[in-house]
């Protein structure tokens, strides 16, 4: 839900709502000594027999209930104020920084690997389109707000088992801008971009338009693809169950071939018929439609040829009986053979015979509902492995005391640490203003995207040399 809502918890905030943070622990009646209720997951990792590191499958403590809290109880005090100047109580958070949330783009990295391995440009675009849709899938049923990154905060992730490494930095606080860079360990791709959402509060809903360009370079094919994410909207912030939808048009451009994929994330509609639906097509540089893509961003994505799709739609409009077609077991099996992490999931998408499966959402762990509806990938992101603290940058999210304490179930301590860090950030900003000192980013610099010609944040390099001597003290 709050995946793009990074305008809250400003260092310009007056702190008017900070008293709500102190009440959270009492109202939730959480015992900080029960942080090991789900077993020992205190940063230790197991090694499998084949030598591959096994990441944790559970959080140290289960999430708390938000049933006694209302977003509206906070927002109604803020009518007329900028959303970027609101401090939200920790009860609405999930124990991840927004920088870690961005890293969830990489959960379906097998789609990038698939694109790299394809000889045909259409097959590559289909895989890239599936990757772009999968990037927003982890937000489904996520009703917790990630922690706002502090200015200068970073997050790194190296996954040798998945073949990539990732680095991100909070490069601006007003407006909030997060920049990221990832590369394949086999030097086969580069994935980078920046996100700075524009927020709108409509009374019953909050809308976030995630501005910023996302770029994927397939080095073997000398290709670059760019796109932006769809708009995210959170409903029922006043009363009722919170739910979100993604809508808007996403255009993915292959700057080498001129191919374009146009994806329409459909708004829910009056009776919810279009909820979660994605439809679109891929066209070549001469605007000839090469294939049609359809599905749901919460479930799966299929492709078929335009003629088959149009014939199917014509029959549907004529009221002809459409059989509730299901993809054959052979189709599912062949697709799953290409990616072990594409499990069989019961979906509600009307299957068009002859379609090819491009992507299916990963199954969440059985205890996901007790872990902020995290995916298995998300559960591992804040894991602090033995010996890691000695090599991490001092600005890494894993070292944030408020997130760490919340993850461990120590809500009162987490709330106080969150307020302390915000005060520290405000004091540092005032000190810089007093001395007329400008903030300098460490790992990214502002420049021009070489493919779109628009302003972008580009990786400066050098992070993995591990020279962290001049990193700021933000915690």
Protein backbone atom coordinates (compact mmCIF):
# COMPACT_ATOMS: atom_id res chain seq x y z
CA UNK A 1 0.00 0.00 0.00
CA UNK A 2 2.34 2.73 1.14
CA UNK A 3 5.02 1.61 -1.31
CA UNK A 4 5.37 5.03 -2.92
CA UNK A 5 4.20 7.16 0.01
CA UNK A 6 7.57 8.44 1.09
CA UNK A 7 6.52 12.03 1.75
CA UNK A 8 5.57 11.42 5.35
CA UNK A 9 7.80 11.81 8.41
CA UNK A 10 9.41 14.98 7.14
CA UNK A 11 12.34 16.67 8.82
CA UNK A 12 10.25 19.84 8.48
CA UNK A 13 7.50 18.25 10.49
CA UNK A 14 6.39 20.10 13.58
CA UNK A 15 6.13 16.83 15.45
CA UNK A 16 2.50 17.54 16.36
CA UNK A 17 1.55 13.89 16.09
CA UNK A 18 4.57 12.39 17.79
CA UNK A 19 2.59 11.84 20.99
CA UNK A 20 0.68 9.13 19.15
CA UNK A 21 3.91 7.18 18.82
CA UNK A 22 4.31 6.95 22.60
CA UNK A 23 0.81 5.53 23.02
CA UNK A 24 1.30 2.75 20.52
CA UNK A 25 3.12 0.34 22.81
CA UNK A 26 0.57 0.67 25.62
CA UNK A 27 -2.42 0.21 23.28
CA UNK A 28 -0.91 -2.81 21.58
CA UNK A 29 0.20 -4.39 24.86
CA UNK A 30 3.27 -5.90 23.27
CA UNK A 31 5.96 -7.46 25.40
CA UNK A 32 9.42 -6.66 24.01
CA UNK A 33 10.76 -9.81 25.68
CA UNK A 34 8.63 -11.94 23.38
CA UNK A 35 10.67 -11.09 20.29
CA UNK A 36 11.59 -14.73 19.77
CA UNK A 37 8.04 -16.08 19.77
CA UNK A 38 8.34 -17.50 16.28
CA UNK A 39 11.65 -19.20 16.89
CA UNK A 40 15.23 -18.03 16.72
CA UNK A 41 15.71 -15.77 13.75
CA UNK A 42 18.21 -13.37 15.28
CA UNK A 43 20.37 -12.84 12.24
CA UNK A 44 21.81 -16.33 12.06
CA UNK A 45 21.54 -18.08 8.71
CA UNK A 46 21.74 -21.73 7.87
CA UNK A 47 23.90 -23.35 5.23
CA UNK A 48 22.33 -26.00 3.06
CA UNK A 49 24.17 -29.16 2.11
CA UNK A 50 24.91 -27.82 -1.35
CA UNK A 51 26.67 -24.80 0.14
CA UNK A 52 23.98 -22.29 -0.83
CA UNK A 53 23.05 -19.94 1.98
CA UNK A 54 19.48 -20.32 3.19
CA UNK A 55 17.78 -17.03 4.05
CA UNK A 56 15.40 -16.69 6.94
CA UNK A 57 11.77 -17.62 6.39
CA UNK A 58 10.19 -15.68 9.25
CA UNK A 59 10.50 -12.39 11.11
CA UNK A 60 11.67 -12.37 14.74
CA UNK A 61 8.24 -11.23 15.98
CA UNK A 62 4.75 -11.29 14.47
CA UNK A 63 3.09 -8.06 13.40
CA UNK A 64 0.66 -6.24 15.66
CA UNK A 65 -2.99 -5.49 15.00
CA UNK A 66 -3.92 -2.13 13.52
CA UNK A 67 -7.64 -2.63 14.12
CA UNK A 68 -7.74 0.07 16.82
CA UNK A 69 -6.03 2.66 14.62
CA UNK A 70 -7.30 4.81 11.79
CA UNK A 71 -5.28 6.66 9.16
CA UNK A 72 -8.07 9.23 9.16
CA UNK A 73 -7.54 9.95 12.86
CA UNK A 74 -4.18 11.37 11.82
CA UNK A 75 -5.00 12.87 8.45
CA UNK A 76 -8.08 14.79 9.63
CA UNK A 77 -5.73 16.96 11.69
CA UNK A 78 -3.74 17.71 8.57
CA UNK A 79 -6.34 19.19 6.24
CA UNK A 80 -4.70 22.10 4.49
CA UNK A 81 -1.18 20.90 5.24
CA UNK A 82 1.27 19.40 2.78
CA UNK A 83 1.38 15.63 3.03
CA UNK A 84 5.16 15.86 3.09
CA UNK A 85 4.94 17.59 6.47
CA UNK A 86 2.97 14.92 8.32
CA UNK A 87 4.57 12.64 10.88
CA UNK A 88 2.79 9.29 10.99
CA UNK A 89 2.79 7.09 14.12
CA UNK A 90 4.87 3.96 13.86
CA UNK A 91 1.75 1.80 14.08
CA UNK A 92 1.19 2.36 10.36
CA UNK A 93 4.69 1.19 9.40
CA UNK A 94 6.16 -2.11 8.32
CA UNK A 95 9.73 -2.98 9.41
CA UNK A 96 11.41 -2.07 6.12
CA UNK A 97 12.83 1.14 4.71
CA UNK A 98 11.49 2.38 1.38
CA UNK A 99 14.98 1.65 -0.02
CA UNK A 100 14.46 -2.01 0.86
CA UNK A 101 10.98 -1.86 -0.66
CA UNK A 102 12.52 -0.70 -3.95
CA UNK A 103 14.83 -3.71 -3.84
CA UNK A 104 11.74 -5.91 -4.18
CA UNK A 105 11.88 -5.11 -7.90
CA UNK A 106 14.50 -7.85 -7.99
CA UNK A 107 12.26 -10.61 -6.63
CA UNK A 108 11.44 -11.77 -10.15
CA UNK A 109 14.94 -11.32 -11.56
CA UNK A 110 14.56 -14.58 -13.48
CA UNK A 111 12.55 -12.47 -15.97
CA UNK A 112 15.63 -10.31 -16.63
CA UNK A 113 17.69 -13.46 -17.04
CA UNK A 114 15.09 -14.78 -19.45
CA UNK A 115 15.22 -11.55 -21.47
CA UNK A 116 19.01 -11.79 -21.64
CA UNK A 117 18.85 -15.34 -22.98
CA UNK A 118 16.33 -14.68 -25.76
CA UNK A 119 17.57 -14.26 -29.33
CA UNK A 120 14.28 -12.77 -30.58
CA UNK A 121 13.52 -9.10 -29.84
CA UNK A 122 9.80 -9.80 -29.27
CA UNK A 123 10.58 -12.50 -26.70
CA UNK A 124 12.90 -10.07 -24.93
CA UNK A 125 10.24 -7.35 -24.79
CA UNK A 126 7.69 -9.81 -23.42
CA UNK A 127 10.05 -10.77 -20.60
CA UNK A 128 10.82 -7.11 -19.83
CA UNK A 129 7.09 -6.28 -19.80
CA UNK A 130 6.48 -9.13 -17.36
CA UNK A 131 9.33 -7.84 -15.18
CA UNK A 132 7.81 -4.32 -15.14
CA UNK A 133 4.46 -5.72 -14.00
CA UNK A 134 6.03 -8.04 -11.42
CA UNK A 135 7.76 -5.02 -9.85
CA UNK A 136 4.48 -3.76 -8.40
CA UNK A 137 3.05 -7.19 -7.51
CA UNK A 138 4.65 -7.31 -4.05
CA UNK A 139 2.46 -4.37 -2.99
CA UNK A 140 -0.66 -6.51 -3.12
CA UNK A 141 -2.28 -6.56 0.35
CA UNK A 142 0.67 -4.71 1.87
CA UNK A 143 -1.07 -2.29 4.24
CA UNK A 144 2.04 -1.11 6.07
CA UNK A 145 3.97 2.03 5.23
CA UNK A 146 7.73 1.53 4.78
CA UNK A 147 9.95 3.78 6.88
CA UNK A 148 11.00 7.00 5.19
CA UNK A 149 14.69 6.81 4.35
CA UNK A 150 16.82 9.41 6.11
CA UNK A 151 18.85 11.68 3.87
CA UNK A 152 22.02 9.74 3.02
CA UNK A 153 20.56 6.38 4.01
CA UNK A 154 21.67 3.44 1.85
CA UNK A 155 20.83 -0.19 1.27
CA UNK A 156 22.88 -2.86 -0.42
CA UNK A 157 21.97 -6.39 -1.35
CA UNK A 158 24.13 -9.02 -2.99
CA UNK A 159 22.46 -12.30 -3.92
CA UNK A 160 24.94 -14.68 -5.50
CA UNK A 161 22.21 -17.32 -5.75
CA UNK A 162 20.12 -14.95 -7.90
CA UNK A 163 23.08 -13.39 -9.74
CA UNK A 164 22.85 -9.68 -8.87
CA UNK A 165 23.96 -6.93 -6.53
CA UNK A 166 22.00 -3.80 -5.68
CA UNK A 167 22.73 -0.41 -4.09
CA UNK A 168 20.36 2.46 -3.31
CA UNK A 169 20.65 5.86 -1.63
CA UNK A 170 18.23 8.51 -0.41
CA UNK A 171 19.59 11.42 -2.45
CA UNK A 172 17.01 14.07 -1.49
CA UNK A 173 14.58 14.59 1.36
CA UNK A 174 12.52 17.48 -0.05
CA UNK A 175 11.32 16.29 -2.43
CA UNK A 176 11.95 12.69 -1.32
CA UNK A 177 14.02 10.97 -4.02
CA UNK A 178 15.42 7.45 -3.88
CA UNK A 179 18.03 6.37 -6.44
CA UNK A 180 19.05 2.78 -7.14
CA UNK A 181 21.48 0.78 -9.27
CA UNK A 182 21.75 -2.96 -9.82
CA UNK A 183 23.97 -5.09 -12.00
CA UNK A 184 24.22 -8.74 -12.93
CA UNK A 185 27.12 -10.60 -11.39
CA UNK A 186 27.72 -12.09 -14.85
CA UNK A 187 27.87 -8.57 -16.35
CA UNK A 188 24.76 -9.31 -18.40
CA UNK A 189 22.49 -6.44 -17.33
CA UNK A 190 22.30 -3.06 -15.58
CA UNK A 191 19.09 -1.89 -13.90
CA UNK A 192 18.84 1.62 -12.48
CA UNK A 193 16.52 4.52 -11.80
CA UNK A 194 15.07 6.98 -9.32
CA UNK A 195 11.64 7.37 -7.72
CA UNK A 196 10.08 10.57 -6.42
CA UNK A 197 6.33 10.31 -5.91
CA UNK A 198 3.85 13.15 -6.26
CA UNK A 199 1.16 12.78 -3.60
CA UNK A 200 -2.47 13.83 -3.70
CA UNK A 201 -4.96 13.50 -0.85
CA UNK A 202 -8.54 13.21 -2.11
CA UNK A 203 -10.26 12.84 1.26
CA UNK A 204 -11.25 9.18 1.00
CA UNK A 205 -8.11 8.14 -0.86
CA UNK A 206 -4.44 8.98 -1.28
CA UNK A 207 -2.89 8.86 -4.73
CA UNK A 208 0.80 8.59 -5.53
CA UNK A 209 2.14 9.24 -8.99
CA UNK A 210 5.60 7.61 -8.96
CA UNK A 211 7.67 9.95 -11.07
CA UNK A 212 11.14 8.95 -12.17
CA UNK A 213 12.59 6.89 -14.99
CA UNK A 214 13.40 3.20 -14.71
CA UNK A 215 16.05 1.86 -17.07
CA UNK A 216 17.04 -1.71 -17.90
CA UNK A 217 20.08 -2.36 -20.10
CA UNK A 218 20.64 -5.81 -21.61
CA UNK A 219 24.36 -5.63 -22.28
CA UNK A 220 24.68 -8.73 -24.48
CA UNK A 221 22.05 -7.37 -26.88
CA UNK A 222 23.16 -3.73 -26.57
CA UNK A 223 19.58 -2.78 -25.72
CA UNK A 224 18.07 -0.30 -23.28
CA UNK A 225 14.47 -0.23 -22.08
CA UNK A 226 12.87 2.62 -20.12
CA UNK A 227 9.50 3.03 -18.37
CA UNK A 228 7.73 4.55 -15.37
CA UNK A 229 5.52 2.75 -12.86
CA UNK A 230 1.72 3.13 -12.79
CA UNK A 231 -0.12 5.39 -10.33
CA UNK A 232 -0.86 3.82 -6.94
CA UNK A 233 -4.03 4.73 -5.04
CA UNK A 234 -5.00 3.78 -1.48
CA UNK A 235 -8.73 3.68 -0.75
CA UNK A 236 -10.78 3.81 2.47
CA UNK A 237 -8.36 5.94 4.48
CA UNK A 238 -11.35 7.32 6.42
CA UNK A 239 -13.40 4.21 7.13
CA UNK A 240 -13.49 0.61 5.97
CA UNK A 241 -10.81 -1.87 4.96
CA UNK A 242 -7.79 -0.32 3.27
CA UNK A 243 -7.19 -1.51 -0.28
CA UNK A 244 -5.08 -0.31 -3.18
CA UNK A 245 -5.15 -0.28 -6.93
CA UNK A 246 -2.65 0.51 -9.64
CA UNK A 247 -3.84 2.38 -12.70
CA UNK A 248 -2.55 4.34 -15.66
CA UNK A 249 -0.61 3.66 -18.83
CA UNK A 250 2.94 2.30 -18.71
CA UNK A 251 5.01 2.59 -21.89
CA UNK A 252 8.13 0.45 -22.17
CA UNK A 253 10.41 1.57 -24.99
CA UNK A 254 13.22 -0.43 -26.53
CA UNK A 255 15.55 2.39 -27.58
CA UNK A 256 17.58 0.09 -29.84
CA UNK A 257 14.83 -1.49 -31.97
CA UNK A 258 12.04 1.06 -31.61
CA UNK A 259 9.69 -1.61 -30.21
CA UNK A 260 7.19 -0.34 -27.67
CA UNK A 261 5.02 -2.09 -25.12
CA UNK A 262 1.92 -0.19 -23.97
CA UNK A 263 0.36 -1.57 -20.78
CA UNK A 264 -2.94 -0.24 -19.44
CA UNK A 265 -3.39 -0.82 -15.70
CA UNK A 266 -7.15 -0.49 -15.50
CA UNK A 267 -8.93 1.37 -12.70
CA UNK A 268 -11.33 -0.68 -10.61
CA UNK A 269 -14.56 0.70 -12.13
CA UNK A 270 -17.98 1.03 -10.52
CA UNK A 271 -18.57 -2.66 -9.82
CA UNK A 272 -14.95 -3.76 -9.51
CA UNK A 273 -15.02 -5.67 -12.80
CA UNK A 274 -11.67 -4.28 -13.93
CA UNK A 275 -9.92 -4.58 -10.55
CA UNK A 276 -6.21 -5.43 -10.94
CA UNK A 277 -6.53 -5.98 -14.71
CA UNK A 278 -3.67 -5.22 -17.08
CA UNK A 279 -4.07 -5.20 -20.85
CA UNK A 280 -1.77 -4.00 -23.57
CA UNK A 281 0.23 -4.82 -26.64
CA UNK A 282 3.70 -4.79 -28.14
CA UNK A 283 4.25 -2.94 -31.41
CA UNK A 284 7.29 -2.54 -33.64
CA UNK A 285 8.78 0.75 -34.83
CA UNK A 286 6.22 0.83 -37.67
CA UNK A 287 3.38 0.55 -35.11
CA UNK A 288 2.47 -2.95 -36.21
CA UNK A 289 1.01 -4.92 -33.30
CA UNK A 290 3.14 -7.99 -32.65
CA UNK A 291 1.29 -9.46 -29.70
CA UNK A 292 -1.32 -8.70 -27.04
CA UNK A 293 -0.63 -8.95 -23.30
CA UNK A 294 -3.32 -9.47 -20.67
CA UNK A 295 -3.68 -10.55 -17.05
CA UNK A 296 -3.69 -9.10 -13.53
CA UNK A 297 -0.78 -7.48 -11.73
CA UNK A 298 -1.77 -9.43 -8.60
CA UNK A 299 -1.76 -12.82 -10.33
CA UNK A 300 -0.29 -13.49 -13.75
CA UNK A 301 0.41 -12.21 -17.25
CA UNK A 302 -0.22 -13.91 -20.61
CA UNK A 303 0.51 -13.09 -24.25
CA UNK A 304 -1.24 -14.09 -27.44
CA UNK A 305 -1.25 -13.01 -31.07
CA UNK A 306 -3.49 -10.01 -31.99
CA UNK A 307 -5.76 -11.99 -34.33
CA UNK A 308 -6.61 -14.60 -31.69
CA UNK A 309 -7.24 -11.86 -29.15
CA UNK A 310 -9.55 -9.85 -31.43
CA UNK A 311 -11.53 -12.97 -32.41
CA UNK A 312 -11.98 -13.83 -28.75
CA UNK A 313 -13.13 -10.29 -27.88
CA UNK A 314 -15.60 -10.20 -30.80
CA UNK A 315 -17.22 -13.42 -29.62
CA UNK A 316 -17.35 -12.00 -26.10
CA UNK A 317 -19.09 -8.82 -27.31
CA UNK A 318 -21.61 -10.86 -29.27
CA UNK A 319 -22.56 -12.65 -26.11
CA UNK A 320 -21.19 -15.95 -27.30
CA UNK A 321 -20.55 -18.48 -24.59
CA UNK A 322 -16.92 -18.42 -23.59
CA UNK A 323 -15.73 -21.61 -22.07
CA UNK A 324 -13.97 -21.20 -18.78
CA UNK A 325 -10.75 -22.25 -20.40
CA UNK A 326 -7.83 -23.22 -18.23
CA UNK A 327 -4.25 -23.48 -19.39
CA UNK A 328 -3.24 -27.09 -19.83
CA UNK A 329 -0.96 -28.79 -17.35
CA UNK A 330 1.64 -29.05 -20.10
CA UNK A 331 1.64 -25.24 -20.54
CA UNK A 332 2.03 -24.67 -16.80
CA UNK A 333 4.73 -27.32 -16.51
CA UNK A 334 6.77 -25.98 -19.42
CA UNK A 335 6.65 -22.47 -18.02
CA UNK A 336 7.53 -23.65 -14.53
CA UNK A 337 10.48 -25.58 -15.89
CA UNK A 338 11.92 -22.23 -17.01
CA UNK A 339 11.59 -20.72 -13.54
CA UNK A 340 11.38 -22.82 -10.40
CA UNK A 341 10.00 -19.85 -8.46
CA UNK A 342 6.92 -19.60 -10.71
CA UNK A 343 4.57 -21.92 -8.76
CA UNK A 344 1.13 -23.03 -9.75
CA UNK A 345 -1.32 -20.49 -8.37
CA UNK A 346 -5.08 -20.53 -8.84
CA UNK A 347 -5.90 -17.34 -10.72
CA UNK A 348 -9.05 -15.56 -11.88
CA UNK A 349 -7.81 -14.36 -15.27
CA UNK A 350 -9.93 -15.54 -18.22
CA UNK A 351 -7.50 -17.67 -20.20
CA UNK A 352 -7.54 -17.32 -24.00
CA UNK A 353 -6.64 -20.65 -25.67
CA UNK A 354 -3.21 -20.59 -27.25
CA UNK A 355 -1.82 -17.95 -24.87
CA UNK A 356 1.68 -18.14 -23.44
CA UNK A 357 2.33 -17.60 -19.75
CA UNK A 358 4.81 -14.76 -19.19
CA UNK A 359 4.75 -14.48 -15.40
CA UNK A 360 2.91 -15.72 -12.34
CA UNK A 361 3.13 -14.21 -8.86
CA UNK A 362 5.15 -16.11 -6.28
CA UNK A 363 3.28 -17.89 -3.50
CA UNK A 364 3.69 -16.11 -0.18
CA UNK A 365 4.83 -18.04 2.88
CA UNK A 366 2.05 -19.64 4.97
CA UNK A 367 2.61 -17.18 7.82
CA UNK A 368 2.70 -14.10 5.55
CA UNK A 369 -0.38 -12.55 7.13
CA UNK A 370 1.47 -12.44 10.45
CA UNK A 371 4.46 -10.79 8.77
CA UNK A 372 2.92 -7.68 7.18
CA UNK A 373 1.97 -9.78 4.11
CA UNK A 374 5.64 -9.97 3.15
CA UNK A 375 6.80 -12.25 0.37
CA UNK A 376 9.60 -14.70 1.12
CA UNK A 377 11.98 -12.30 -0.62
CA UNK A 378 10.83 -9.36 1.54
CA UNK A 379 11.24 -11.37 4.74
CA UNK A 380 14.96 -11.71 4.04
CA UNK A 381 15.68 -8.05 3.23
CA UNK A 382 16.36 -6.78 6.76
CA UNK A 383 18.25 -9.89 7.82
CA UNK A 384 21.48 -8.94 9.61
CA UNK A 385 23.75 -11.88 9.11
CA UNK A 386 26.66 -12.72 11.36
CA UNK A 387 29.72 -10.62 10.48
CA UNK A 388 27.77 -8.38 8.10
CA UNK A 389 27.83 -5.33 10.37
CA UNK A 390 31.61 -5.10 9.98
CA UNK A 391 31.43 -4.67 6.19
CA UNK A 392 28.20 -2.69 5.71
CA UNK A 393 28.20 1.04 5.14
CA UNK A 394 27.25 2.77 8.44
CA UNK A 395 24.27 4.25 6.59
CA UNK A 396 22.73 0.87 5.65
CA UNK A 397 19.04 0.33 6.52
CA UNK A 398 19.82 -2.84 8.45
CA UNK A 399 21.54 -0.70 11.08
CA UNK A 400 18.55 1.62 11.67
CA UNK A 401 17.55 1.13 15.32
CA UNK A 402 13.87 2.01 14.84
CA UNK A 403 13.35 -0.55 12.06
CA UNK A 404 15.38 -3.18 13.93
CA UNK A 405 13.40 -2.71 17.14
CA UNK A 406 10.07 -2.81 15.33
CA UNK A 407 11.08 -6.03 13.59
CA UNK A 408 11.92 -7.50 16.99
CA UNK A 409 8.56 -6.47 18.44
CA UNK A 410 9.97 -3.71 20.67
CA UNK A 411 7.38 -1.13 19.62
CA UNK A 412 7.96 1.42 22.38
CA UNK A 413 11.72 1.52 21.75
CA UNK A 414 11.16 1.64 18.00
CA UNK A 415 8.80 4.61 18.36
CA UNK A 416 11.28 6.55 20.51
CA UNK A 417 14.16 5.74 18.15
CA UNK A 418 12.14 6.89 15.15
CA UNK A 419 11.47 10.23 16.83
CA UNK A 420 15.14 10.55 17.86
CA UNK A 421 16.34 9.95 14.29
CA UNK A 422 13.88 12.51 12.91
CA UNK A 423 15.07 15.08 15.49
CA UNK A 424 18.69 14.29 14.60
CA UNK A 425 17.90 14.80 10.93
CA UNK A 426 16.16 18.13 11.62
CA UNK A 427 19.10 19.34 13.72
CA UNK A 428 21.60 18.38 11.00
CA UNK A 429 19.56 20.24 8.39
CA UNK A 430 19.45 23.39 10.54
CA UNK A 431 23.18 23.16 11.16
CA UNK A 432 23.89 22.94 7.43
CA UNK A 433 21.63 25.91 6.78
CA UNK A 434 23.36 27.93 9.50
CA UNK A 435 26.81 27.21 8.06
CA UNK A 436 25.53 27.50 4.47
CA UNK A 437 26.79 23.99 3.71
CA UNK A 438 25.17 22.02 0.89
CA UNK A 439 24.37 18.35 1.21
CA UNK A 440 26.44 16.13 -1.08
CA UNK A 441 25.24 12.70 -2.14
CA UNK A 442 27.76 9.89 -1.77
CA UNK A 443 27.02 7.23 -4.38
CA UNK A 444 24.78 8.92 -6.97
CA UNK A 445 24.88 12.20 -8.87
CA UNK A 446 22.30 14.18 -10.78
CA UNK A 447 22.63 13.92 -14.54
CA UNK A 448 20.79 13.11 -17.75
CA UNK A 449 19.37 9.73 -18.68
CA UNK A 450 21.28 8.82 -21.87
CA UNK A 451 18.21 7.25 -23.49
CA UNK A 452 15.36 9.61 -22.60
CA UNK A 453 17.31 12.86 -22.29
CA UNK A 454 15.45 13.63 -19.04
CA UNK A 455 16.90 14.46 -15.65
CA UNK A 456 17.94 11.38 -13.70
CA UNK A 457 20.09 10.21 -10.81
CA UNK A 458 23.05 8.14 -11.99
CA UNK A 459 25.30 5.78 -10.06
CA UNK A 460 28.74 7.30 -9.45
CA UNK A 461 30.37 3.93 -8.80
CA UNK A 462 32.77 2.82 -6.11
CA UNK A 463 30.35 1.58 -3.47
CA UNK A 464 31.58 -2.01 -3.52
CA UNK A 465 35.19 -0.84 -2.98
CA UNK A 466 33.92 -0.43 0.59
CA UNK A 467 35.59 2.86 1.42
CA UNK A 468 33.02 4.21 3.88
CA UNK A 469 35.28 6.63 5.75
CA UNK A 470 33.39 9.74 4.66
CA UNK A 471 29.83 8.43 5.13
CA UNK A 472 27.57 10.68 7.22
CA UNK A 473 26.53 9.79 10.76
CA UNK A 474 22.74 9.54 10.41
CA UNK A 475 21.84 6.98 13.10
